[in-house]
Amino acid sequence: MTTEPATAPRTGAVAALADTLTGDDLPAYVYDLTALAEHAEAVRAALPPAVELYYAAKANPALEILRALAPHVTGYEVSSGGESAHVREAVPAHPLAFGGPGKTEAELRRALKLGVERFHVESEHELRQLAALADEEGRTVDILLRVNLPVADDALGAAALAMGGRPSPFGLDPDHIAERCLPLLTPGGPLRLRGIHAHLASGLDAPALLAVATRITDWTRNLSARHGLRLTEVNVGGGMSVDYDRPDSRFDWAAYGRGLAEVAERNPELTLRIEPGRALTVYCGWYVTEVLDLKHSGGEPFAVLRGGTHHMRTPAAKGHDHPFAVLPADTWTHPWPRPGVRDEPVTLVGQLCTPKDVLARRAPAGELRVGDRVAFALAGAYAWNISHHDFLMHPRPGFHYVGGGATG
């Protein structure tokens, strides 16, 4: 957390809507689609025109989010049969890339019938299974082999989450590509190898991600040359950093775009593709709730909020204190004193019967009283969609969309 109370929601539209939500209207997610579209447009403008921009739908698959991004992205990355069908229906004109480990036969069949344009193959077994299904369907399927490339320890040292570069369930061991996979990719067969995919880590800054992208493209070019493969694509993944301690900071897309332009110039035969998720949508969403109770325990104040980590698991999943702003409410109708604190660090918790239901610990909040609303920023990604919604069976939050032609 910052040493000062977090700033209020970035847009007037969000603040205005949040001000109308009281009582049983809360908790609620509020998304600003205009802010999302402006951010996505700026990201696209920072990238070289030839670099393809895919959105990783797992970050937030809401229909309104997917459609707001459509004018600014090349396609969408999906990671399950359910996501494949959902995203295809939401934005049918855009290509899909199907990744993720443990794809079932039913999921692969469904993706084939949906006409998924790219498959990121995670293992030799998956390669064989997809080949058999594609042959059965009479299809020629374009694939990228997901490779778990080793990288120097210091390259991923700052990563918030490492998916590769070390022993991992994700991707193929690069030593097995030539021996075990390439012999299965015969000319005229049902699978057509287009290139390499390698998403190694999340939470990296622009220089670190550029170093990883360089490593992936160099390895792909060398593999292609050694085996006469004529590979044409490389997907360097996502993983752009989002700093929850500094909610106003952003990933340096301009520097990243300049670096990718240099990578592309050195590898003119390869189409570069990136697939950010969190870094595109996280800034457009807020989780708005209210203070139900405020009490001291062991000399420390605790604010009990409607909802909690069963609605927004992000702080529990990442082990951080989530940035928020206090939206004061002046109405108090009870005959007893209104509980509150002023200039005292307060821990914000939810309604769950577990001490892990914590959204922010000992956070500066200025003045905070029962009945005030609290707006948690950076709630546009990996928030509602990764939460354990049904624990204790509390009511689900509302969902509101402002800007960008939203209807509510």
Protein backbone atom coordinates (compact mmCIF):
# COMPACT_ATOMS: atom_id res chain seq x y z
CA MET A 1 0.00 0.00 0.00
CA THR A 2 0.99 3.61 -0.45
CA THR A 3 1.65 5.75 2.61
CA GLU A 4 -1.27 8.02 1.72
CA PRO A 5 -4.91 7.13 1.05
CA ALA A 6 -5.38 5.91 -2.51
CA THR A 7 -6.85 8.33 -5.00
CA ALA A 8 -10.53 8.24 -5.96
CA PRO A 9 -11.70 6.37 -9.08
CA ARG A 10 -10.06 7.77 -12.19
CA THR A 11 -13.23 8.64 -14.09
CA GLY A 12 -16.16 10.82 -13.20
CA ALA A 13 -18.54 8.29 -14.73
CA VAL A 14 -17.44 5.60 -12.28
CA ALA A 15 -17.59 7.95 -9.29
CA ALA A 16 -21.03 9.21 -10.29
CA LEU A 17 -22.44 5.70 -10.59
CA ALA A 18 -20.77 4.55 -7.38
CA ASP A 19 -22.44 7.42 -5.55
CA THR A 20 -25.88 6.05 -6.47
CA LEU A 21 -25.19 2.52 -5.21
CA THR A 22 -26.32 1.92 -1.67
CA GLY A 23 -27.52 -0.89 0.54
CA ASP A 24 -28.54 -3.95 -1.41
CA ASP A 25 -27.07 -2.48 -4.63
CA LEU A 26 -23.66 -3.28 -3.15
CA PRO A 27 -21.17 -4.76 -3.63
CA ALA A 28 -20.88 -3.99 -7.31
CA TYR A 29 -18.33 -4.12 -10.06
CA VAL A 30 -18.20 -0.96 -12.16
CA TYR A 31 -16.33 -0.99 -15.47
CA ASP A 32 -15.51 2.07 -17.57
CA LEU A 33 -15.58 0.90 -21.18
CA THR A 34 -14.45 4.26 -22.52
CA ALA A 35 -11.34 4.17 -20.34
CA LEU A 36 -10.74 0.58 -21.45
CA ALA A 37 -11.01 1.44 -25.14
CA GLU A 38 -8.73 4.46 -24.77
CA HIS A 39 -6.11 2.38 -22.98
CA ALA A 40 -6.30 -0.42 -25.55
CA GLU A 41 -6.04 2.11 -28.38
CA ALA A 42 -2.92 3.62 -26.78
CA VAL A 43 -1.36 0.17 -26.37
CA ARG A 44 -2.06 -0.68 -29.99
CA ALA A 45 -0.56 2.64 -31.13
CA ALA A 46 2.61 1.99 -29.10
CA LEU A 47 3.23 -1.33 -30.84
CA PRO A 48 4.74 -1.76 -34.30
CA PRO A 49 1.94 -2.24 -36.85
CA ALA A 50 3.22 -5.71 -37.75
CA VAL A 51 3.05 -7.01 -34.15
CA GLU A 52 -0.19 -8.85 -33.51
CA LEU A 53 -2.05 -8.02 -30.29
CA TYR A 54 -4.15 -10.82 -28.78
CA TYR A 55 -6.15 -10.39 -25.56
CA ALA A 56 -5.86 -13.22 -23.02
CA ALA A 57 -9.56 -13.69 -22.24
CA LYS A 58 -8.87 -15.44 -18.94
CA ALA A 59 -8.11 -12.04 -17.39
CA ASN A 60 -11.74 -10.92 -17.77
CA PRO A 61 -14.09 -12.70 -20.20
CA ALA A 62 -17.13 -10.44 -19.70
CA LEU A 63 -18.97 -9.93 -22.99
CA GLU A 64 -18.84 -6.16 -22.67
CA ILE A 65 -15.08 -6.25 -22.10
CA LEU A 66 -14.44 -8.56 -25.05
CA ARG A 67 -16.51 -6.39 -27.37
CA ALA A 68 -15.00 -3.11 -26.19
CA LEU A 69 -11.55 -4.49 -27.02
CA ALA A 70 -12.53 -5.81 -30.45
CA PRO A 71 -11.57 -2.71 -32.50
CA HIS A 72 -8.10 -2.66 -30.94
CA VAL A 73 -6.94 -6.29 -30.89
CA THR A 74 -5.97 -8.76 -33.58
CA GLY A 75 -7.53 -11.73 -31.81
CA TYR A 76 -8.10 -13.49 -28.50
CA GLU A 77 -6.23 -16.17 -26.57
CA VAL A 78 -8.50 -18.75 -24.91
CA SER A 79 -7.60 -21.50 -22.48
CA SER A 80 -10.55 -23.90 -22.33
CA GLY A 81 -13.40 -25.28 -24.38
CA GLY A 82 -15.76 -23.01 -22.49
CA GLU A 83 -13.70 -19.92 -23.26
CA SER A 84 -13.42 -20.97 -26.90
CA ALA A 85 -17.19 -21.12 -27.33
CA HIS A 86 -17.85 -18.01 -25.24
CA VAL A 87 -15.34 -15.78 -27.02
CA ARG A 88 -16.24 -17.08 -30.48
CA GLU A 89 -19.87 -16.13 -29.85
CA ALA A 90 -18.98 -12.74 -28.38
CA VAL A 91 -16.57 -11.62 -31.13
CA PRO A 92 -17.08 -14.03 -34.04
CA ALA A 93 -15.02 -12.04 -36.54
CA HIS A 94 -11.77 -12.32 -34.57
CA PRO A 95 -9.31 -15.25 -34.68
CA LEU A 96 -8.72 -17.40 -31.60
CA ALA A 97 -5.59 -19.05 -30.27
CA PHE A 98 -6.30 -22.01 -27.97
CA GLY A 99 -3.65 -22.52 -25.28
CA GLY A 100 -3.29 -24.03 -21.84
CA PRO A 101 -2.29 -27.44 -20.49
CA GLY A 102 -4.53 -30.48 -20.13
CA LYS A 103 -6.82 -29.93 -23.11
CA THR A 104 -9.41 -32.69 -23.18
CA GLU A 105 -10.50 -34.58 -26.26
CA ALA A 106 -13.95 -32.98 -25.97
CA GLU A 107 -12.41 -29.50 -25.80
CA LEU A 108 -10.22 -30.13 -28.84
CA ARG A 109 -13.16 -31.48 -30.82
CA ARG A 110 -15.22 -28.46 -29.87
CA ALA A 111 -12.44 -26.07 -30.85
CA LEU A 112 -12.05 -27.79 -34.22
CA LYS A 113 -15.77 -27.47 -34.90
CA LEU A 114 -15.62 -23.79 -33.92
CA GLY A 115 -12.84 -23.26 -36.44
CA VAL A 116 -10.23 -22.11 -33.91
CA GLU A 117 -7.38 -20.65 -35.97
CA ARG A 118 -4.35 -21.52 -33.79
CA PHE A 119 -3.60 -24.25 -31.26
CA HIS A 120 -0.75 -23.86 -28.77
CA VAL A 121 0.34 -27.45 -28.23
CA GLU A 122 1.68 -28.21 -24.75
CA SER A 123 2.94 -31.81 -24.99
CA GLU A 124 3.77 -34.71 -27.26
CA HIS A 125 0.59 -36.49 -26.18
CA GLU A 126 -1.52 -33.43 -27.02
CA LEU A 127 0.23 -33.20 -30.39
CA ARG A 128 -0.69 -36.79 -31.19
CA GLN A 129 -4.26 -36.36 -29.98
CA LEU A 130 -4.85 -33.17 -31.95
CA ALA A 131 -3.38 -34.78 -35.09
CA ALA A 132 -5.74 -37.75 -34.78
CA LEU A 133 -8.79 -35.53 -34.26
CA ALA A 134 -7.86 -33.17 -37.09
CA ASP A 135 -7.33 -36.14 -39.41
CA GLU A 136 -10.71 -37.51 -38.37
CA GLU A 137 -12.31 -34.16 -39.19
CA GLY A 138 -10.43 -33.91 -42.49
CA ARG A 139 -8.86 -30.66 -41.30
CA THR A 140 -5.43 -29.10 -41.64
CA VAL A 141 -4.77 -27.31 -38.34
CA ASP A 142 -2.24 -24.54 -37.71
CA ILE A 143 -0.24 -25.01 -34.51
CA LEU A 144 2.44 -23.37 -32.41
CA LEU A 145 4.53 -25.52 -30.11
CA ARG A 146 4.64 -24.07 -26.60
CA VAL A 147 8.22 -24.38 -25.41
CA ASN A 148 9.51 -23.99 -21.86
CA LEU A 149 12.80 -22.29 -22.67
CA PRO A 150 15.49 -22.05 -19.99
CA VAL A 151 16.48 -18.50 -19.13
CA ALA A 152 18.99 -17.00 -16.76
CA ASP A 153 17.79 -16.89 -13.16
CA ASP A 154 18.11 -13.12 -12.98
CA ALA A 155 15.85 -12.72 -16.04
CA LEU A 156 12.81 -13.94 -14.11
CA GLY A 157 13.91 -12.78 -10.68
CA ALA A 158 11.39 -9.93 -10.60
CA ALA A 159 8.52 -12.01 -11.97
CA ALA A 160 5.29 -12.02 -9.98
CA LEU A 161 4.53 -15.48 -11.39
CA ALA A 162 6.83 -17.81 -13.32
CA MET A 163 5.28 -20.29 -15.76
CA GLY A 164 8.53 -21.33 -17.42
CA GLY A 165 12.27 -20.92 -17.51
CA ARG A 166 12.49 -23.71 -14.91
CA PRO A 167 10.80 -27.09 -14.38
CA SER A 168 7.10 -26.46 -15.03
CA PRO A 169 3.86 -28.16 -16.12
CA PHE A 170 3.63 -25.64 -18.96
CA GLY A 171 5.00 -26.33 -22.41
CA LEU A 172 7.47 -28.71 -23.99
CA ASP A 173 11.04 -29.33 -22.96
CA PRO A 174 13.07 -27.75 -25.79
CA ASP A 175 15.38 -30.76 -25.86
CA HIS A 176 12.44 -32.93 -26.94
CA ILE A 177 11.23 -30.82 -29.86
CA ALA A 178 13.49 -32.22 -32.56
CA GLU A 179 13.48 -35.81 -31.33
CA ARG A 180 9.84 -36.31 -30.34
CA CYS A 181 7.69 -33.64 -32.00
CA LEU A 182 9.08 -32.73 -35.41
CA PRO A 183 8.88 -36.33 -36.70
CA LEU A 184 5.12 -36.21 -36.07
CA LEU A 185 4.72 -33.13 -38.28
CA THR A 186 4.98 -34.65 -41.73
CA PRO A 187 4.40 -32.65 -44.95
CA GLY A 188 0.77 -32.90 -45.99
CA GLY A 189 -0.26 -34.11 -42.53
CA PRO A 190 -3.19 -32.77 -40.50
CA LEU A 191 -1.00 -30.41 -38.44
CA ARG A 192 0.88 -27.46 -39.91
CA LEU A 193 3.64 -26.04 -37.70
CA ARG A 194 3.55 -22.27 -37.89
CA GLY A 195 5.87 -21.35 -35.07
CA ILE A 196 6.70 -21.24 -31.37
CA HIS A 197 4.84 -20.00 -28.30
CA ALA A 198 6.60 -19.26 -25.00
CA HIS A 199 4.92 -17.45 -22.13
CA LEU A 200 7.48 -17.70 -19.35
CA ALA A 201 6.48 -15.24 -16.63
CA SER A 202 4.10 -12.52 -15.49
CA GLY A 203 4.78 -9.22 -13.77
CA LEU A 204 7.89 -8.15 -15.69
CA ASP A 205 8.81 -4.63 -16.75
CA ALA A 206 9.50 -3.65 -20.35
CA PRO A 207 13.27 -4.31 -20.39
CA ALA A 208 12.84 -7.76 -18.84
CA LEU A 209 10.04 -8.71 -21.23
CA LEU A 210 12.10 -7.52 -24.20
CA ALA A 211 15.00 -9.70 -23.06
CA VAL A 212 12.63 -12.67 -22.88
CA ALA A 213 11.15 -11.84 -26.30
CA THR A 214 14.65 -11.69 -27.79
CA ARG A 215 15.51 -15.07 -26.27
CA ILE A 216 12.34 -16.65 -27.68
CA THR A 217 12.72 -15.24 -31.19
CA ASP A 218 16.42 -16.11 -31.39
CA TRP A 219 15.67 -19.68 -30.32
CA THR A 220 12.82 -19.94 -32.84
CA ARG A 221 14.97 -18.63 -35.69
CA ASN A 222 17.77 -21.07 -34.85
CA LEU A 223 15.36 -24.01 -34.60
CA SER A 224 13.85 -23.11 -37.95
CA ALA A 225 17.26 -22.84 -39.60
CA ARG A 226 18.62 -26.09 -38.11
CA HIS A 227 15.70 -28.17 -39.32
CA GLY A 228 14.63 -26.29 -42.44
CA LEU A 229 11.21 -25.54 -40.94
CA ARG A 230 10.54 -22.08 -42.40
CA LEU A 231 8.67 -21.02 -39.28
CA THR A 232 6.70 -17.80 -39.68
CA GLU A 233 5.27 -16.98 -36.22
CA VAL A 234 6.45 -16.50 -32.67
CA ASN A 235 4.18 -15.72 -29.73
CA VAL A 236 6.16 -14.21 -26.85
CA GLY A 237 3.20 -14.22 -24.45
CA GLY A 238 2.04 -11.54 -22.06
CA GLY A 239 3.12 -10.88 -18.49
CA MET A 240 3.30 -7.06 -18.49
CA SER A 241 3.71 -5.77 -14.94
CA VAL A 242 0.83 -4.22 -12.98
CA ASP A 243 1.87 -2.50 -9.75
CA TYR A 244 -0.86 -2.73 -7.12
CA ASP A 245 1.26 -0.67 -4.72
CA ARG A 246 1.32 2.19 -7.21
CA PRO A 247 -2.10 2.15 -8.91
CA ASP A 248 -1.30 5.20 -11.05
CA SER A 249 1.80 3.63 -12.61
CA ARG A 250 1.64 1.82 -15.93
CA PHE A 251 3.76 -0.60 -17.92
CA ASP A 252 6.02 1.27 -20.36
CA TRP A 253 4.29 0.32 -23.59
CA ALA A 254 6.23 2.90 -25.60
CA ALA A 255 9.59 1.39 -24.66
CA TYR A 256 8.26 -2.12 -25.18
CA GLY A 257 6.95 -1.18 -28.62
CA ARG A 258 10.29 0.31 -29.63
CA GLY A 259 12.08 -2.81 -28.45
CA LEU A 260 9.69 -5.13 -30.30
CA ALA A 261 10.28 -3.09 -33.45
CA GLU A 262 13.98 -3.87 -33.17
CA VAL A 263 13.26 -7.56 -32.54
CA ALA A 264 10.99 -7.64 -35.59
CA GLU A 265 13.60 -5.90 -37.74
CA ARG A 266 16.15 -8.59 -36.85
CA ASN A 267 13.63 -11.34 -37.62
CA PRO A 268 11.74 -10.21 -40.75
CA GLU A 269 10.62 -13.75 -41.53
CA LEU A 270 8.69 -14.00 -38.24
CA THR A 271 5.35 -12.47 -37.31
CA LEU A 272 5.53 -11.42 -33.65
CA ARG A 273 2.49 -11.83 -31.43
CA ILE A 274 1.84 -10.80 -27.82
CA GLU A 275 -1.10 -11.76 -25.60
CA PRO A 276 -1.54 -9.46 -22.59
CA GLY A 277 -4.53 -9.87 -20.31
CA ARG A 278 -4.29 -8.13 -16.94
CA ALA A 279 -2.34 -5.17 -18.32
CA LEU A 280 -5.14 -4.36 -20.77
CA THR A 281 -8.24 -4.56 -18.56
CA VAL A 282 -7.18 -4.20 -14.92
CA TYR A 283 -7.41 -0.39 -14.90
CA CYS A 284 -10.99 -0.21 -16.20
CA GLY A 285 -12.70 -1.93 -13.25
CA TRP A 286 -13.59 -1.07 -9.64
CA TYR A 287 -15.12 -3.17 -6.90
CA VAL A 288 -17.42 -0.87 -4.93
CA THR A 289 -18.80 -1.81 -1.53
CA GLU A 290 -19.71 -0.27 1.82
CA VAL A 291 -18.56 -0.42 5.43
CA LEU A 292 -20.99 -2.54 7.46
CA ASP A 293 -19.17 -2.39 10.79
CA LEU A 294 -16.07 -0.86 12.29
CA LYS A 295 -14.54 -2.09 15.52
CA HIS A 296 -11.27 -2.37 17.41
CA SER A 297 -9.56 -5.62 18.34
CA GLY A 298 -6.30 -5.65 20.29
CA GLY A 299 -6.05 -1.92 19.77
CA GLU A 300 -6.36 -2.16 15.97
CA PRO A 301 -9.37 -1.03 13.89
CA PHE A 302 -11.11 -3.42 11.50
CA ALA A 303 -13.63 -2.31 8.89
CA VAL A 304 -16.03 -5.09 7.90
CA LEU A 305 -17.25 -4.62 4.33
CA ARG A 306 -20.09 -6.09 2.33
CA GLY A 307 -18.68 -8.84 0.15
CA GLY A 308 -15.01 -9.74 0.37
CA THR A 309 -12.48 -12.04 -1.25
CA HIS A 310 -15.22 -14.43 -2.44
CA HIS A 311 -16.09 -11.61 -4.84
CA MET A 312 -12.58 -10.27 -5.45
CA ARG A 313 -9.91 -12.85 -4.78
CA THR A 314 -7.06 -10.76 -6.18
CA PRO A 315 -5.53 -9.55 -2.88
CA ALA A 316 -5.70 -13.02 -1.36
CA ALA A 317 -4.32 -14.67 -4.49
CA LYS A 318 -1.45 -12.21 -4.87
CA GLY A 319 -0.85 -11.64 -1.16
CA HIS A 320 -1.07 -7.87 -1.37
CA ASP A 321 -3.05 -4.99 0.09
CA HIS A 322 -5.44 -3.81 -2.59
CA PRO A 323 -5.52 -0.08 -3.44
CA PHE A 324 -8.78 1.67 -2.64
CA ALA A 325 -10.46 5.02 -2.23
CA VAL A 326 -13.00 6.04 0.39
CA LEU A 327 -16.23 7.54 -0.95
CA PRO A 328 -17.80 9.26 2.07
CA ALA A 329 -21.52 8.91 2.71
CA ASP A 330 -23.10 11.63 4.84
CA THR A 331 -26.38 9.90 5.69
CA TRP A 332 -26.71 8.31 9.14
CA THR A 333 -30.23 7.40 10.30
CA HIS A 334 -29.54 5.44 13.50
CA PRO A 335 -29.99 6.97 16.98
CA TRP A 336 -26.61 5.65 18.23
CA PRO A 337 -23.15 7.08 17.45
CA ARG A 338 -21.68 6.30 14.05
CA PRO A 339 -18.60 4.05 14.37
CA GLY A 340 -15.54 5.39 12.59
CA VAL A 341 -11.82 6.11 12.66
CA ARG A 342 -9.74 9.08 11.58
CA ASP A 343 -6.06 9.07 10.58
CA GLU A 344 -5.62 5.57 11.93
CA PRO A 345 -4.43 2.63 9.77
CA VAL A 346 -7.33 0.24 9.35
CA THR A 347 -7.63 -3.35 8.11
CA LEU A 348 -10.40 -3.88 5.55
CA VAL A 349 -12.02 -7.33 5.69
CA GLY A 350 -15.04 -9.06 4.18
CA GLN A 351 -17.95 -11.06 5.54
CA LEU A 352 -16.41 -14.54 5.35
CA CYS A 353 -15.80 -16.70 8.41
CA THR A 354 -12.08 -16.95 7.78
CA PRO A 355 -9.15 -14.73 8.81
CA LYS A 356 -7.93 -14.89 5.21
CA ASP A 357 -10.79 -12.69 4.02
CA VAL A 358 -8.62 -9.55 3.99
CA LEU A 359 -8.58 -6.93 1.26
CA ALA A 360 -6.07 -4.50 2.79
CA ARG A 361 -4.05 -4.59 6.03
CA ARG A 362 -3.33 -1.58 8.24
CA ALA A 363 -3.99 0.75 5.35
CA PRO A 364 -4.15 4.56 5.63
CA ALA A 365 -7.72 5.59 4.95
CA GLY A 366 -8.04 9.13 6.25
CA GLU A 367 -11.51 9.08 7.80
CA LEU A 368 -13.61 5.93 7.48
CA ARG A 369 -17.06 5.39 8.96
CA VAL A 370 -19.82 2.81 8.88
CA GLY A 371 -21.95 3.52 5.82
CA ASP A 372 -19.11 4.94 3.74
CA ARG A 373 -18.42 3.30 0.42
CA VAL A 374 -15.05 1.91 -0.55
CA ALA A 375 -13.96 1.61 -4.19
CA PHE A 376 -11.16 -0.85 -4.86
CA ALA A 377 -9.26 0.11 -8.01
CA LEU A 378 -7.43 -2.22 -10.42
CA ALA A 379 -10.36 -4.65 -10.34
CA GLY A 380 -10.77 -5.14 -14.08
CA ALA A 381 -8.81 -8.39 -14.29
CA TYR A 382 -8.50 -11.65 -12.32
CA ALA A 383 -11.04 -10.44 -9.79
CA TRP A 384 -14.62 -11.74 -9.99
CA ASN A 385 -13.79 -14.44 -12.52
CA ILE A 386 -11.21 -16.17 -10.27
CA SER A 387 -13.17 -15.86 -7.03
CA HIS A 388 -14.87 -18.62 -4.99
CA HIS A 389 -18.31 -17.13 -5.48
CA ASP A 390 -20.49 -19.55 -3.56
CA PHE A 391 -18.59 -19.82 -0.29
CA LEU A 392 -21.11 -18.97 2.50
CA MET A 393 -23.73 -18.22 -0.20
CA HIS A 394 -23.68 -14.44 0.17
CA PRO A 395 -25.46 -12.49 -2.62
CA ARG A 396 -23.48 -11.94 -5.77
CA PRO A 397 -22.38 -8.42 -6.69
CA GLY A 398 -24.00 -6.28 -9.33
CA PHE A 399 -22.24 -5.52 -12.61
CA HIS A 400 -22.39 -2.09 -14.22
CA TYR A 401 -20.78 -0.75 -17.40
CA VAL A 402 -20.37 2.96 -18.10
CA GLY A 403 -19.12 4.72 -21.22
CA GLY A 404 -18.47 3.19 -24.61
CA GLY A 405 -22.16 2.86 -25.42
CA ALA A 406 -22.81 0.76 -22.31
CA THR A 407 -26.41 0.26 -21.32
CA GLY A 408 -25.94 -0.53 -17.63
